[in-house]
Amino acid sequence: MPISDRLLLGPGPSNPYPEAVAALARPMLGHMDPEFIAIMDETMARLRTVFRTDNALTFPVSGTGSAGMEACFVNLVQAGDTVIVGVNGVFGERMCEVARRCGADVVRVDEEWGLPLDPQRLLDAQREHPEARLVAVVHAETSTGVENDVAPLAALRDTDTLLLVDTVTSLGGIPVEIDGWNVDAAYSGTQKCLGVPPGLSPVTFSPRAVERIQTRALPPQSWYLDVSLIANYVDGDSRVYHHTAPVSMVMSLHAALGALLDEGLEAAWARHRSVGTRLQASLPDLGFRLVVPDGHRLPELTTAWLPDDADDAALRTALLTTYGIEVGGGLGKFAGKAWRIGLMGHSARDRSVTTLLGALRELLG
């Protein structure tokens, strides 16, 4: 079956780095092979650099970003715990649902879609609920294109409440400072700014989070995502088999992280910022209206209201079939009204912006 070559400018997956694609064709190794263990170790070291952390327990979960989310919640939350969640989009809502399924008492801090969360409201909620196990927040809300300010939440380090952050759409695209922000646990996804095919979810746990996991009254309800068991495979002098690691995907992540670090994190952040700003400055000339106020927009994921009289499905279909360009439709209350345009990883190039804008001018003209 022939497969079309697309320019992927939606909310993910993005076009992977060439190095990540080439790594998928490397010879297969067993997941206990010393050569693969060396690749895994170097992959984890590179993830620490990209997460900006010294956390020993930093590794790729076998599964997409949602698996990383589940891994964090099921290991850190027990039935009856209080969990505070910032909600200003679909993925904040998803955090609430995962916490609820863990048996948590969820305290929501809501904000209108398209607007950033006020970190002080999250800190105030923790003061009202000092027993809270977690404060959880999405750094880059993929459904709305909003960047939530995480840095002020570092104050939670002076409490018994852990800070959990979703970095699925931010890691590799904008600054993520796990240690600088006192983040206790975070998860991401490979298919966005890291420029790898979907299939892995990098996670990191602080020593404080690891202690919480080790002192649980009961083991997590998920055996597959039990971090205390996985840690015996990804760390230590003797590796204990847990599950078959996705060898080729880890090789792909290893290669992409190498490309990212060769470019330099700051340079990659600047590249994402440059192309995102250019796109956002140009869309209003085509009749689009930006959803997120200036100062809170993600450069790697732009949300824009459609031009008047534009048909969402018809326009996206024409863009895909005529020009081979994929963009994302709106989620939830934005469905049919707004687009989500991603410039992430290898797709975050000026040529992507030029190609998209040229195609839109022809379709809308």
Foldseek 3Di string as FASTA:
>chain_A
DDDDDFQEFALDQHAFDPLLVVLLPDDDDFCPDPVLLVLQLLLQVLVCVLLQHPFPLKGKAFFFQVLQLLLLQLLQDAAAAEEEFEDQADVSVVSVVSNVVRNYDYHYDYDHHQEEGDVVVLVVVCVVVLRHQEYEYEQQHQQRQFGYDQQVVLVCVVGNHAYEYECAQPRLAADNHCVNSVHAKYKYFCRFQLRHHTTIIIMGGHPSSVVSSVPDPDFGPDLSSRSVLVCQQSDDPDHDDRDGHPSSRSSSSSRSSVVSVVCPSVNNNVLLQVLLVVLQVPVVVLQWAWRHDPPTGGSFKTKTFDHPPDFVVVVQVCCCPVPSYHYAAHPDPRGRTMTITGCHHPSSHNVNSVSVVVVSVVVSD
